[in-house]
Amino acid sequence: MPQLNTTTWPTIITPMLLALFLITQLKLLNSHLHPPTPPKPTKPKPHAKPWGLKWTKVYLPHSLPPQY
């Protein structure tokens, strides 16, 4: 049974891999995977502040004596 001649395999496989790599790079370079998103408006929205109308108790720091 004759042996399989593999001496030319690296000569064939190396350019093939290089060509596949280049084709893949060119396809990725020319494809637009994510289209640019339009800018969002930056108007500030008024938020309801539930604490704005309520009275809150103000506490003194612990280092000061209580004031009556």
N, C-alpha and C. Protein backbone atom coordinates (compact mmCIF):
# COMPACT_ATOMS: atom_id res chain seq x y z
N MET A 1 0.84 -1.18 0.00
CA MET A 1 0.00 0.00 0.00
C MET A 1 0.89 1.24 0.00
N PRO A 2 0.68 2.18 -0.95
CA PRO A 2 1.58 3.34 -1.05
C PRO A 2 1.32 4.34 0.08
N GLN A 3 2.37 5.08 0.42
CA GLN A 3 2.28 6.13 1.45
C GLN A 3 1.65 7.38 0.86
N LEU A 4 0.96 8.14 1.72
CA LEU A 4 0.35 9.39 1.30
C LEU A 4 1.42 10.48 1.32
N ASN A 5 1.58 11.17 0.22
CA ASN A 5 2.60 12.21 0.11
C ASN A 5 2.04 13.49 0.75
N THR A 6 2.63 13.91 1.87
CA THR A 6 2.16 15.10 2.58
C THR A 6 3.15 16.25 2.49
N THR A 7 4.09 16.20 1.60
CA THR A 7 5.11 17.25 1.54
C THR A 7 4.54 18.58 1.04
N THR A 8 3.49 18.57 0.23
CA THR A 8 2.95 19.82 -0.30
C THR A 8 1.83 20.39 0.58
N TRP A 9 1.44 19.69 1.64
CA TRP A 9 0.34 20.16 2.47
C TRP A 9 0.59 21.53 3.10
N PRO A 10 1.73 21.77 3.71
CA PRO A 10 1.96 23.11 4.28
C PRO A 10 1.94 24.21 3.22
N THR A 11 2.38 23.89 2.00
CA THR A 11 2.37 24.87 0.92
C THR A 11 0.94 25.22 0.51
N ILE A 12 0.03 24.29 0.63
CA ILE A 12 -1.36 24.53 0.26
C ILE A 12 -2.14 25.14 1.43
N ILE A 13 -1.93 24.63 2.64
CA ILE A 13 -2.72 25.04 3.79
C ILE A 13 -2.40 26.47 4.23
N THR A 14 -1.13 26.86 4.22
CA THR A 14 -0.75 28.20 4.69
C THR A 14 -1.39 29.31 3.85
N PRO A 15 -1.30 29.31 2.52
CA PRO A 15 -1.98 30.36 1.76
C PRO A 15 -3.51 30.31 1.89
N MET A 16 -4.04 29.09 2.06
CA MET A 16 -5.48 28.99 2.24
C MET A 16 -5.92 29.67 3.53
N LEU A 17 -5.21 29.44 4.63
CA LEU A 17 -5.55 30.09 5.89
C LEU A 17 -5.37 31.61 5.80
N LEU A 18 -4.33 32.04 5.14
CA LEU A 18 -4.11 33.47 4.95
C LEU A 18 -5.23 34.09 4.14
N ALA A 19 -5.66 33.41 3.08
CA ALA A 19 -6.75 33.93 2.26
C ALA A 19 -8.06 33.97 3.05
N LEU A 20 -8.34 32.94 3.85
CA LEU A 20 -9.55 32.94 4.66
C LEU A 20 -9.52 34.07 5.68
N PHE A 21 -8.37 34.31 6.29
CA PHE A 21 -8.25 35.39 7.25
C PHE A 21 -8.48 36.75 6.59
N LEU A 22 -7.89 36.96 5.43
CA LEU A 22 -8.05 38.24 4.73
C LEU A 22 -9.49 38.45 4.27
N ILE A 23 -10.12 37.40 3.77
CA ILE A 23 -11.51 37.53 3.33
C ILE A 23 -12.41 37.86 4.52
N THR A 24 -12.16 37.20 5.65
CA THR A 24 -12.96 37.48 6.85
C THR A 24 -12.76 38.92 7.31
N GLN A 25 -11.51 39.39 7.29
CA GLN A 25 -11.24 40.77 7.71
C GLN A 25 -11.91 41.77 6.78
N LEU A 26 -11.88 41.53 5.49
CA LEU A 26 -12.52 42.44 4.55
C LEU A 26 -14.03 42.45 4.72
N LYS A 27 -14.62 41.29 4.98
CA LYS A 27 -16.07 41.24 5.20
C LYS A 27 -16.45 42.00 6.47
N LEU A 28 -15.67 41.84 7.53
CA LEU A 28 -15.97 42.56 8.77
C LEU A 28 -15.73 44.05 8.62
N LEU A 29 -14.76 44.43 7.83
CA LEU A 29 -14.47 45.85 7.63
C LEU A 29 -15.60 46.54 6.88
N ASN A 30 -16.18 45.85 5.92
CA ASN A 30 -17.22 46.46 5.10
C ASN A 30 -18.63 46.30 5.66
N SER A 31 -18.80 45.48 6.68
CA SER A 31 -20.14 45.29 7.24
C SER A 31 -20.38 46.29 8.36
N HIS A 32 -21.61 46.70 8.49
CA HIS A 32 -22.00 47.62 9.55
C HIS A 32 -22.85 46.81 10.53
N LEU A 33 -22.22 46.34 11.58
CA LEU A 33 -22.94 45.49 12.52
C LEU A 33 -23.94 46.29 13.34
N HIS A 34 -23.55 47.49 13.79
CA HIS A 34 -24.44 48.32 14.58
C HIS A 34 -24.53 49.69 13.92
N PRO A 35 -25.71 50.05 13.42
CA PRO A 35 -25.83 51.38 12.83
C PRO A 35 -25.70 52.44 13.92
N PRO A 36 -25.19 53.61 13.58
CA PRO A 36 -25.03 54.65 14.60
C PRO A 36 -26.39 55.08 15.15
N THR A 37 -26.45 55.23 16.44
CA THR A 37 -27.71 55.60 17.07
C THR A 37 -27.85 57.12 17.07
N PRO A 38 -29.07 57.61 16.88
CA PRO A 38 -29.26 59.06 16.89
C PRO A 38 -29.08 59.59 18.31
N PRO A 39 -28.60 60.81 18.45
CA PRO A 39 -28.40 61.35 19.80
C PRO A 39 -29.74 61.57 20.50
N LYS A 40 -29.75 61.31 21.80
CA LYS A 40 -30.96 61.47 22.58
C LYS A 40 -31.10 62.92 23.02
N PRO A 41 -32.33 63.42 23.11
CA PRO A 41 -32.50 64.79 23.61
C PRO A 41 -32.08 64.87 25.07
N THR A 42 -31.46 65.98 25.42
CA THR A 42 -30.93 66.13 26.78
C THR A 42 -31.72 67.15 27.59
N LYS A 43 -33.03 67.23 27.37
CA LYS A 43 -33.86 68.15 28.15
C LYS A 43 -34.07 67.56 29.55
N PRO A 44 -33.85 68.35 30.58
CA PRO A 44 -34.10 67.81 31.92
C PRO A 44 -35.59 67.70 32.18
N LYS A 45 -35.99 66.58 32.73
CA LYS A 45 -37.40 66.35 33.02
C LYS A 45 -37.67 66.72 34.47
N PRO A 46 -38.75 67.44 34.72
CA PRO A 46 -39.07 67.75 36.12
C PRO A 46 -39.56 66.51 36.85
N HIS A 47 -38.99 66.26 38.00
CA HIS A 47 -39.36 65.11 38.79
C HIS A 47 -40.18 65.56 39.99
N ALA A 48 -41.13 64.76 40.34
CA ALA A 48 -41.93 65.07 41.53
C ALA A 48 -41.08 64.82 42.76
N LYS A 49 -41.00 65.80 43.64
CA LYS A 49 -40.20 65.69 44.85
C LYS A 49 -41.15 65.58 46.04
N PRO A 50 -41.38 64.37 46.52
CA PRO A 50 -42.34 64.23 47.62
C PRO A 50 -41.86 64.89 48.91
N TRP A 51 -40.56 65.08 49.05
CA TRP A 51 -40.06 65.70 50.27
C TRP A 51 -40.08 67.22 50.19
N GLY A 52 -40.38 67.79 49.05
CA GLY A 52 -40.35 69.23 48.89
C GLY A 52 -41.44 69.94 49.67
N LEU A 53 -42.60 69.33 49.82
CA LEU A 53 -43.71 69.98 50.49
C LEU A 53 -43.84 69.55 51.94
N LYS A 54 -43.09 68.55 52.37
CA LYS A 54 -43.19 68.05 53.73
C LYS A 54 -42.19 68.77 54.63
N TRP A 55 -42.55 68.87 55.92
CA TRP A 55 -41.64 69.42 56.89
C TRP A 55 -40.81 68.29 57.45
N THR A 56 -39.51 68.46 57.49
CA THR A 56 -38.63 67.43 58.03
C THR A 56 -37.93 67.96 59.26
N LYS A 57 -37.71 67.10 60.22
CA LYS A 57 -37.08 67.48 61.47
C LYS A 57 -35.58 67.61 61.24
N VAL A 58 -34.98 68.67 61.77
CA VAL A 58 -33.55 68.90 61.64
C VAL A 58 -32.89 68.45 62.93
N TYR A 59 -31.91 67.58 62.81
CA TYR A 59 -31.21 67.07 63.99
C TYR A 59 -29.89 67.81 64.17
N LEU A 60 -29.53 68.04 65.41
CA LEU A 60 -28.25 68.67 65.72
C LEU A 60 -27.16 67.61 65.76
N PRO A 61 -25.91 68.02 65.52
CA PRO A 61 -24.82 67.05 65.64
C PRO A 61 -24.71 66.57 67.08
N HIS A 62 -24.14 65.41 67.30
CA HIS A 62 -24.02 64.81 68.64
C HIS A 62 -23.08 65.60 69.54
N SER A 63 -22.17 66.37 68.97
CA SER A 63 -21.19 67.07 69.79
C SER A 63 -21.81 68.30 70.48
N LEU A 64 -22.91 68.81 70.02
CA LEU A 64 -23.52 69.98 70.62
C LEU A 64 -24.53 69.58 71.69
N PRO A 65 -24.63 70.38 72.77
CA PRO A 65 -25.64 70.06 73.77
C PRO A 65 -27.03 70.36 73.23
N PRO A 66 -28.04 69.70 73.76
CA PRO A 66 -29.39 69.96 73.26
C PRO A 66 -29.84 71.38 73.57
N GLN A 67 -30.50 72.00 72.64
CA GLN A 67 -30.98 73.36 72.79
C GLN A 67 -32.50 73.33 72.90
N TYR A 68 -33.03 73.94 73.99
CA TYR A 68 -34.48 73.94 74.20
C TYR A 68 -35.06 75.28 73.92
